[in-house]
N, C-alpha and C. Protein backbone atom coordinates (compact mmCIF):
# COMPACT_ATOMS: atom_id res chain seq x y z
N MET A 1 22.46 48.77 42.77
CA MET A 1 22.69 49.38 41.48
C MET A 1 23.42 48.43 40.54
N ILE A 2 24.49 47.76 41.08
CA ILE A 2 25.24 46.81 40.26
C ILE A 2 24.34 45.65 39.88
N ARG A 3 23.52 45.20 40.80
CA ARG A 3 22.60 44.08 40.55
C ARG A 3 21.61 44.44 39.45
N THR A 4 21.07 45.66 39.46
CA THR A 4 20.14 46.12 38.43
C THR A 4 20.84 46.18 37.08
N SER A 5 22.08 46.63 37.06
CA SER A 5 22.84 46.70 35.80
C SER A 5 23.09 45.31 35.24
N ILE A 6 23.40 44.36 36.12
CA ILE A 6 23.64 42.98 35.67
C ILE A 6 22.36 42.38 35.10
N ILE A 7 21.25 42.59 35.77
CA ILE A 7 19.96 42.07 35.29
C ILE A 7 19.61 42.71 33.95
N ALA A 8 19.81 44.01 33.82
CA ALA A 8 19.51 44.70 32.55
C ALA A 8 20.40 44.16 31.44
N ALA A 9 21.68 43.94 31.73
CA ALA A 9 22.61 43.41 30.73
C ALA A 9 22.20 42.00 30.30
N LEU A 10 21.78 41.17 31.25
CA LEU A 10 21.33 39.81 30.93
C LEU A 10 20.07 39.83 30.08
N LEU A 11 19.13 40.70 30.41
CA LEU A 11 17.91 40.81 29.62
C LEU A 11 18.22 41.29 28.20
N LEU A 12 19.07 42.29 28.08
CA LEU A 12 19.45 42.80 26.77
C LEU A 12 20.15 41.71 25.95
N SER A 13 21.02 40.96 26.59
CA SER A 13 21.73 39.87 25.92
C SER A 13 20.75 38.81 25.42
N THR A 14 19.76 38.48 26.23
CA THR A 14 18.76 37.47 25.86
C THR A 14 17.94 37.95 24.67
N VAL A 15 17.51 39.21 24.71
CA VAL A 15 16.72 39.77 23.61
C VAL A 15 17.53 39.79 22.32
N LEU A 16 18.76 40.25 22.39
CA LEU A 16 19.61 40.31 21.20
C LEU A 16 19.90 38.93 20.63
N THR A 17 20.09 37.94 21.49
CA THR A 17 20.30 36.56 21.03
C THR A 17 19.06 36.06 20.31
N GLY A 18 17.88 36.34 20.85
CA GLY A 18 16.64 35.93 20.21
C GLY A 18 16.45 36.57 18.84
N ILE A 19 16.76 37.85 18.73
CA ILE A 19 16.65 38.55 17.45
C ILE A 19 17.61 37.95 16.44
N ALA A 20 18.85 37.70 16.87
CA ALA A 20 19.85 37.12 15.96
C ALA A 20 19.41 35.74 15.48
N GLN A 21 18.82 34.94 16.37
CA GLN A 21 18.36 33.61 15.98
C GLN A 21 17.21 33.70 14.97
N GLN A 22 16.28 34.66 15.19
CA GLN A 22 15.17 34.83 14.24
C GLN A 22 15.70 35.24 12.87
N GLN A 23 16.67 36.14 12.83
CA GLN A 23 17.24 36.57 11.55
C GLN A 23 17.94 35.41 10.86
N SER A 24 18.61 34.57 11.64
CA SER A 24 19.29 33.40 11.08
C SER A 24 18.29 32.43 10.46
N VAL A 25 17.17 32.21 11.14
CA VAL A 25 16.12 31.33 10.62
C VAL A 25 15.53 31.92 9.34
N ARG A 26 15.26 33.24 9.32
CA ARG A 26 14.72 33.89 8.12
C ARG A 26 15.70 33.76 6.95
N THR A 27 16.97 33.96 7.21
CA THR A 27 17.99 33.85 6.16
C THR A 27 18.04 32.43 5.62
N ARG A 28 18.01 31.46 6.53
CA ARG A 28 18.04 30.05 6.13
C ARG A 28 16.78 29.70 5.32
N ASP A 29 15.61 30.18 5.76
CA ASP A 29 14.36 29.92 5.04
C ASP A 29 14.38 30.56 3.65
N ALA A 30 14.87 31.79 3.56
CA ALA A 30 14.94 32.48 2.27
C ALA A 30 15.88 31.74 1.33
N THR A 31 17.03 31.29 1.83
CA THR A 31 17.97 30.54 1.00
C THR A 31 17.35 29.25 0.52
N SER A 32 16.64 28.57 1.39
CA SER A 32 15.97 27.32 1.03
C SER A 32 14.90 27.58 -0.04
N THR A 33 14.15 28.65 0.11
CA THR A 33 13.13 29.00 -0.87
C THR A 33 13.75 29.36 -2.21
N GLU A 34 14.82 30.14 -2.18
CA GLU A 34 15.51 30.49 -3.42
C GLU A 34 15.97 29.24 -4.15
N GLN A 35 16.53 28.29 -3.40
CA GLN A 35 16.98 27.04 -4.01
C GLN A 35 15.81 26.25 -4.58
N ALA A 36 14.68 26.23 -3.87
CA ALA A 36 13.51 25.50 -4.36
C ALA A 36 12.98 26.12 -5.65
N VAL A 37 12.96 27.44 -5.73
CA VAL A 37 12.51 28.12 -6.95
C VAL A 37 13.47 27.81 -8.10
N GLN A 38 14.76 27.89 -7.84
CA GLN A 38 15.74 27.60 -8.90
C GLN A 38 15.65 26.14 -9.35
N GLN A 39 15.41 25.25 -8.42
CA GLN A 39 15.25 23.84 -8.78
C GLN A 39 14.00 23.64 -9.63
N GLN A 40 12.91 24.30 -9.28
CA GLN A 40 11.69 24.20 -10.08
C GLN A 40 11.91 24.79 -11.47
N ASP A 41 12.70 25.86 -11.57
CA ASP A 41 12.98 26.45 -12.86
C ASP A 41 13.83 25.50 -13.72
N GLN A 42 14.77 24.80 -13.11
CA GLN A 42 15.56 23.82 -13.86
C GLN A 42 14.67 22.68 -14.37
N GLU A 43 13.69 22.31 -13.57
CA GLU A 43 12.73 21.29 -14.01
C GLU A 43 11.91 21.81 -15.19
N ARG A 44 11.53 23.09 -15.14
CA ARG A 44 10.79 23.69 -16.25
C ARG A 44 11.63 23.66 -17.52
N ILE A 45 12.89 24.00 -17.40
CA ILE A 45 13.79 24.00 -18.56
C ILE A 45 13.88 22.59 -19.15
N ARG A 46 14.10 21.59 -18.30
CA ARG A 46 14.15 20.19 -18.79
C ARG A 46 12.85 19.82 -19.49
N ALA A 47 11.73 20.21 -18.90
CA ALA A 47 10.42 19.88 -19.49
C ALA A 47 10.23 20.57 -20.84
N GLN A 48 10.72 21.78 -20.97
CA GLN A 48 10.59 22.48 -22.26
C GLN A 48 11.45 21.82 -23.32
N ILE A 49 12.68 21.47 -22.98
CA ILE A 49 13.57 20.84 -23.95
C ILE A 49 13.03 19.48 -24.40
N THR A 50 12.44 18.74 -23.49
CA THR A 50 11.92 17.40 -23.83
C THR A 50 10.44 17.42 -24.19
N ALA A 51 9.83 18.59 -24.21
CA ALA A 51 8.39 18.75 -24.48
C ALA A 51 7.56 17.85 -23.56
N ASP A 52 7.93 17.82 -22.29
CA ASP A 52 7.22 17.04 -21.27
C ASP A 52 6.01 17.85 -20.80
N THR A 53 4.90 17.67 -21.49
CA THR A 53 3.72 18.49 -21.20
C THR A 53 3.09 18.13 -19.85
N ILE A 54 3.31 16.92 -19.36
CA ILE A 54 2.79 16.57 -18.03
C ILE A 54 3.49 17.42 -16.98
N ALA A 55 4.81 17.52 -17.07
CA ALA A 55 5.56 18.35 -16.12
C ALA A 55 5.20 19.82 -16.29
N LEU A 56 5.07 20.27 -17.54
CA LEU A 56 4.74 21.67 -17.78
C LEU A 56 3.37 22.03 -17.21
N ARG A 57 2.41 21.11 -17.30
CA ARG A 57 1.07 21.37 -16.71
C ARG A 57 1.17 21.54 -15.20
N ARG A 58 2.08 20.82 -14.57
CA ARG A 58 2.28 20.90 -13.12
C ARG A 58 3.01 22.19 -12.75
N ILE A 59 3.97 22.59 -13.55
CA ILE A 59 4.82 23.74 -13.22
C ILE A 59 4.12 25.07 -13.49
N TYR A 60 3.42 25.16 -14.62
CA TYR A 60 2.74 26.42 -14.95
C TYR A 60 1.43 26.54 -14.17
N ALA A 61 1.20 27.69 -13.56
CA ALA A 61 -0.06 27.95 -12.87
C ALA A 61 -1.17 28.05 -13.91
N ASP A 62 -2.39 27.76 -13.50
CA ASP A 62 -3.52 27.80 -14.43
C ASP A 62 -3.71 29.18 -15.05
N ASP A 63 -3.36 30.23 -14.31
CA ASP A 63 -3.54 31.59 -14.84
C ASP A 63 -2.23 32.17 -15.39
N PHE A 64 -1.29 31.29 -15.75
CA PHE A 64 0.00 31.71 -16.30
C PHE A 64 -0.18 32.61 -17.51
N LEU A 65 0.71 33.60 -17.61
CA LEU A 65 0.77 34.45 -18.79
C LEU A 65 2.24 34.75 -19.05
N GLY A 66 2.68 34.44 -20.25
CA GLY A 66 4.08 34.65 -20.60
C GLY A 66 4.25 35.49 -21.84
N ILE A 67 5.30 36.29 -21.83
CA ILE A 67 5.65 37.10 -23.00
C ILE A 67 7.02 36.64 -23.45
N GLY A 68 7.08 36.06 -24.65
CA GLY A 68 8.32 35.53 -25.18
C GLY A 68 9.23 36.62 -25.72
N PRO A 69 10.45 36.24 -26.10
CA PRO A 69 11.42 37.23 -26.58
C PRO A 69 11.03 37.92 -27.88
N THR A 70 10.09 37.33 -28.63
CA THR A 70 9.63 37.99 -29.86
C THR A 70 8.36 38.80 -29.62
N GLY A 71 7.91 38.84 -28.35
CA GLY A 71 6.70 39.59 -28.02
C GLY A 71 5.43 38.77 -28.06
N VAL A 72 5.53 37.48 -28.40
CA VAL A 72 4.35 36.61 -28.44
C VAL A 72 3.86 36.40 -27.02
N VAL A 73 2.55 36.56 -26.81
CA VAL A 73 1.93 36.37 -25.51
C VAL A 73 1.20 35.03 -25.52
N ARG A 74 1.47 34.20 -24.50
CA ARG A 74 0.82 32.89 -24.40
C ARG A 74 0.33 32.65 -22.98
N ASN A 75 -0.84 32.01 -22.89
CA ASN A 75 -1.31 31.55 -21.59
C ASN A 75 -0.91 30.07 -21.45
N LYS A 76 -1.26 29.46 -20.35
CA LYS A 76 -0.86 28.07 -20.09
C LYS A 76 -1.36 27.14 -21.19
N THR A 77 -2.61 27.25 -21.58
CA THR A 77 -3.18 26.38 -22.61
C THR A 77 -2.42 26.50 -23.92
N GLU A 78 -2.07 27.72 -24.28
CA GLU A 78 -1.34 27.95 -25.54
C GLU A 78 0.08 27.40 -25.47
N VAL A 79 0.74 27.56 -24.32
CA VAL A 79 2.10 27.03 -24.16
C VAL A 79 2.07 25.51 -24.32
N ILE A 80 1.17 24.86 -23.63
CA ILE A 80 1.08 23.39 -23.69
C ILE A 80 0.77 22.95 -25.12
N ALA A 81 -0.16 23.63 -25.78
CA ALA A 81 -0.51 23.29 -27.16
C ALA A 81 0.69 23.44 -28.09
N ASP A 82 1.46 24.51 -27.92
CA ASP A 82 2.62 24.72 -28.79
C ASP A 82 3.71 23.67 -28.56
N PHE A 83 3.91 23.26 -27.32
CA PHE A 83 4.89 22.19 -27.07
C PHE A 83 4.36 20.84 -27.57
N THR A 84 3.06 20.59 -27.42
CA THR A 84 2.47 19.34 -27.90
C THR A 84 2.57 19.23 -29.41
N ALA A 85 2.30 20.33 -30.11
CA ALA A 85 2.34 20.35 -31.57
C ALA A 85 3.76 20.53 -32.12
N HIS A 86 4.71 20.75 -31.21
CA HIS A 86 6.12 20.98 -31.60
C HIS A 86 6.29 22.22 -32.47
N THR A 87 5.39 23.21 -32.29
CA THR A 87 5.59 24.49 -32.97
C THR A 87 6.52 25.38 -32.15
N LEU A 88 6.73 25.02 -30.88
CA LEU A 88 7.70 25.67 -30.01
C LEU A 88 8.63 24.58 -29.51
N THR A 89 9.91 24.67 -29.89
CA THR A 89 10.88 23.65 -29.50
C THR A 89 12.18 24.31 -29.05
N TYR A 90 12.83 23.65 -28.12
CA TYR A 90 14.14 24.11 -27.65
C TYR A 90 15.13 22.96 -27.70
N GLN A 91 16.33 23.26 -28.19
CA GLN A 91 17.41 22.28 -28.15
C GLN A 91 18.24 22.49 -26.88
N SER A 92 18.36 23.74 -26.45
CA SER A 92 19.08 24.02 -25.20
C SER A 92 18.62 25.35 -24.61
N ILE A 93 18.70 25.41 -23.29
CA ILE A 93 18.41 26.63 -22.55
C ILE A 93 19.37 26.65 -21.37
N THR A 94 20.13 27.71 -21.24
CA THR A 94 21.00 27.87 -20.08
C THR A 94 20.71 29.22 -19.44
N THR A 95 20.94 29.30 -18.15
CA THR A 95 20.70 30.56 -17.43
C THR A 95 21.97 31.00 -16.72
N ALA A 96 22.06 32.29 -16.47
CA ALA A 96 23.19 32.87 -15.75
C ALA A 96 22.71 34.10 -15.00
N GLU A 97 23.52 34.55 -14.06
CA GLU A 97 23.20 35.75 -13.28
C GLU A 97 21.81 35.66 -12.65
N VAL A 98 21.43 34.46 -12.24
CA VAL A 98 20.09 34.25 -11.69
C VAL A 98 20.03 34.79 -10.26
N ARG A 99 18.97 35.52 -10.01
CA ARG A 99 18.71 36.06 -8.67
C ARG A 99 17.25 35.81 -8.34
N VAL A 100 17.01 35.31 -7.14
CA VAL A 100 15.64 35.06 -6.67
C VAL A 100 15.42 35.91 -5.43
N ARG A 101 14.33 36.68 -5.45
CA ARG A 101 13.92 37.46 -4.29
C ARG A 101 12.57 36.93 -3.83
N VAL A 102 12.44 36.72 -2.54
CA VAL A 102 11.24 36.09 -1.98
C VAL A 102 10.43 37.11 -1.20
N TYR A 103 9.12 37.11 -1.46
CA TYR A 103 8.18 38.00 -0.78
C TYR A 103 7.02 37.13 -0.28
N GLY A 104 7.21 36.47 0.84
CA GLY A 104 6.17 35.59 1.36
C GLY A 104 5.97 34.39 0.45
N ASN A 105 4.76 34.26 -0.09
CA ASN A 105 4.44 33.13 -0.99
C ASN A 105 4.70 33.46 -2.46
N THR A 106 5.44 34.53 -2.71
CA THR A 106 5.76 34.93 -4.08
C THR A 106 7.27 35.08 -4.20
N ALA A 107 7.78 34.68 -5.35
CA ALA A 107 9.22 34.83 -5.62
C ALA A 107 9.38 35.44 -7.01
N VAL A 108 10.33 36.35 -7.13
CA VAL A 108 10.65 36.97 -8.41
C VAL A 108 12.07 36.53 -8.78
N GLU A 109 12.17 35.93 -9.95
CA GLU A 109 13.45 35.41 -10.43
C GLU A 109 13.87 36.23 -11.65
N THR A 110 15.09 36.70 -11.65
CA THR A 110 15.61 37.46 -12.79
C THR A 110 16.96 36.88 -13.20
N GLY A 111 17.33 37.12 -14.44
CA GLY A 111 18.62 36.65 -14.90
C GLY A 111 18.75 36.76 -16.41
N ARG A 112 19.74 36.04 -16.92
CA ARG A 112 19.98 35.97 -18.37
C ARG A 112 19.76 34.54 -18.82
N SER A 113 19.30 34.38 -20.05
CA SER A 113 19.18 33.04 -20.61
C SER A 113 19.74 33.03 -22.02
N THR A 114 20.29 31.89 -22.36
CA THR A 114 20.74 31.64 -23.72
C THR A 114 19.90 30.48 -24.23
N MET A 115 19.16 30.71 -25.30
CA MET A 115 18.23 29.70 -25.79
C MET A 115 18.52 29.38 -27.25
N VAL A 116 18.44 28.10 -27.55
CA VAL A 116 18.52 27.64 -28.93
C VAL A 116 17.22 26.90 -29.19
N GLY A 117 16.40 27.45 -30.09
CA GLY A 117 15.12 26.84 -30.36
C GLY A 117 14.40 27.52 -31.49
N GLN A 118 13.20 27.02 -31.77
CA GLN A 118 12.38 27.58 -32.84
C GLN A 118 10.97 27.83 -32.29
N ASP A 119 10.42 28.94 -32.73
CA ASP A 119 9.05 29.29 -32.40
C ASP A 119 8.32 29.51 -33.72
N ARG A 120 7.45 28.57 -34.04
CA ARG A 120 6.68 28.62 -35.29
C ARG A 120 7.59 28.77 -36.51
N GLY A 121 8.67 27.97 -36.50
CA GLY A 121 9.57 27.92 -37.64
C GLY A 121 10.67 28.96 -37.67
N LYS A 122 10.67 29.88 -36.72
CA LYS A 122 11.71 30.91 -36.68
C LYS A 122 12.57 30.72 -35.43
N ALA A 123 13.86 31.01 -35.58
CA ALA A 123 14.77 30.90 -34.44
C ALA A 123 14.36 31.88 -33.34
N VAL A 124 14.36 31.41 -32.11
CA VAL A 124 14.08 32.31 -30.99
C VAL A 124 15.32 33.17 -30.74
N PRO A 125 15.13 34.40 -30.27
CA PRO A 125 16.30 35.21 -29.93
C PRO A 125 17.17 34.46 -28.92
N ARG A 126 18.44 34.40 -29.19
CA ARG A 126 19.37 33.56 -28.43
C ARG A 126 19.68 34.11 -27.04
N GLU A 127 20.06 35.38 -26.96
CA GLU A 127 20.46 35.98 -25.68
C GLU A 127 19.33 36.87 -25.16
N ASN A 128 18.88 36.59 -23.93
CA ASN A 128 17.74 37.30 -23.35
C ASN A 128 17.97 37.61 -21.89
N ARG A 129 17.27 38.60 -21.41
CA ARG A 129 17.09 38.85 -19.98
C ARG A 129 15.68 38.38 -19.66
N PHE A 130 15.49 37.87 -18.46
CA PHE A 130 14.16 37.38 -18.11
C PHE A 130 13.75 37.82 -16.72
N THR A 131 12.44 37.85 -16.53
CA THR A 131 11.81 38.02 -15.22
C THR A 131 10.73 36.97 -15.13
N ARG A 132 10.75 36.20 -14.04
CA ARG A 132 9.72 35.19 -13.81
C ARG A 132 9.11 35.42 -12.43
N VAL A 133 7.82 35.21 -12.33
CA VAL A 133 7.13 35.35 -11.06
C VAL A 133 6.56 33.98 -10.69
N TRP A 134 6.90 33.53 -9.49
CA TRP A 134 6.46 32.23 -8.98
C TRP A 134 5.61 32.44 -7.73
N THR A 135 4.61 31.58 -7.53
CA THR A 135 3.84 31.61 -6.29
C THR A 135 3.77 30.20 -5.73
N MET A 136 3.68 30.12 -4.42
CA MET A 136 3.53 28.84 -3.74
C MET A 136 2.05 28.50 -3.74
N ALA A 137 1.71 27.38 -4.37
CA ALA A 137 0.32 26.92 -4.43
C ALA A 137 0.32 25.40 -4.42
N ASP A 138 -0.59 24.82 -3.70
CA ASP A 138 -0.70 23.36 -3.62
C ASP A 138 0.62 22.72 -3.19
N GLY A 139 1.37 23.41 -2.33
CA GLY A 139 2.60 22.86 -1.79
C GLY A 139 3.80 22.88 -2.72
N ARG A 140 3.71 23.62 -3.83
CA ARG A 140 4.84 23.70 -4.76
C ARG A 140 4.88 25.07 -5.41
N TRP A 141 6.05 25.43 -5.93
CA TRP A 141 6.21 26.69 -6.63
C TRP A 141 5.69 26.54 -8.05
N GLN A 142 4.81 27.45 -8.43
CA GLN A 142 4.23 27.43 -9.78
C GLN A 142 4.54 28.76 -10.47
N LEU A 143 4.81 28.66 -11.76
CA LEU A 143 5.13 29.83 -12.56
C LEU A 143 3.84 30.53 -12.97
N VAL A 144 3.70 31.81 -12.59
CA VAL A 144 2.49 32.55 -12.94
C VAL A 144 2.73 33.56 -14.05
N ALA A 145 3.98 33.99 -14.23
CA ALA A 145 4.27 34.95 -15.29
C ALA A 145 5.75 34.90 -15.64
N ASN A 146 6.03 35.16 -16.92
CA ASN A 146 7.42 35.39 -17.31
C ASN A 146 7.45 36.39 -18.45
N HIS A 147 8.60 37.01 -18.57
CA HIS A 147 8.81 37.99 -19.63
C HIS A 147 10.27 37.93 -20.06
N TYR A 148 10.48 37.84 -21.35
CA TYR A 148 11.83 37.83 -21.92
C TYR A 148 12.04 39.10 -22.72
N SER A 149 13.25 39.64 -22.64
CA SER A 149 13.66 40.78 -23.45
C SER A 149 14.96 40.40 -24.15
N PRO A 150 14.97 40.45 -25.47
CA PRO A 150 16.22 40.13 -26.18
C PRO A 150 17.32 41.12 -25.82
N MET A 151 18.52 40.61 -25.68
CA MET A 151 19.68 41.47 -25.44
C MET A 151 20.23 41.90 -26.79
N THR A 152 20.47 43.16 -26.91
CA THR A 152 21.01 43.68 -28.17
C THR A 152 22.45 44.09 -27.93
N PRO A 153 23.29 43.97 -28.95
CA PRO A 153 24.69 44.39 -28.79
C PRO A 153 24.77 45.88 -28.46
N GLN A 154 25.66 46.23 -27.58
CA GLN A 154 25.83 47.64 -27.18
C GLN A 154 26.67 48.38 -28.19
């Protein structure tokens, strides 16, 4: 009886250790993915400020669709054209309260952004909340959608 109890305890201990290790690996992988998405987003911000259309072509997915803080809807071709023509320009973009949630090959990033820029000659709304959707494709995170909502004073 004691021998059976010892064997059962050892088996239970082994199973629990395996589960804990799997959870640790998942947590580490999720953290790594979150960091990769945030790093790609920082690259996007740099590319927007410098109008680096080569980087933007790499970062935006071919089927990208974005809704800006003024409600303007742009696909990838339109975004690149606006940065190339300098009708959309940014002097600075900062983010805060950023959170990334990972769902397999998809990540949803939310947070706040402060932007200084012009869109077709008009100042872009400065304080915004955003949602961005990223997917893993061709070995890198690509932006497939974003949406900005201007923050209004309470």
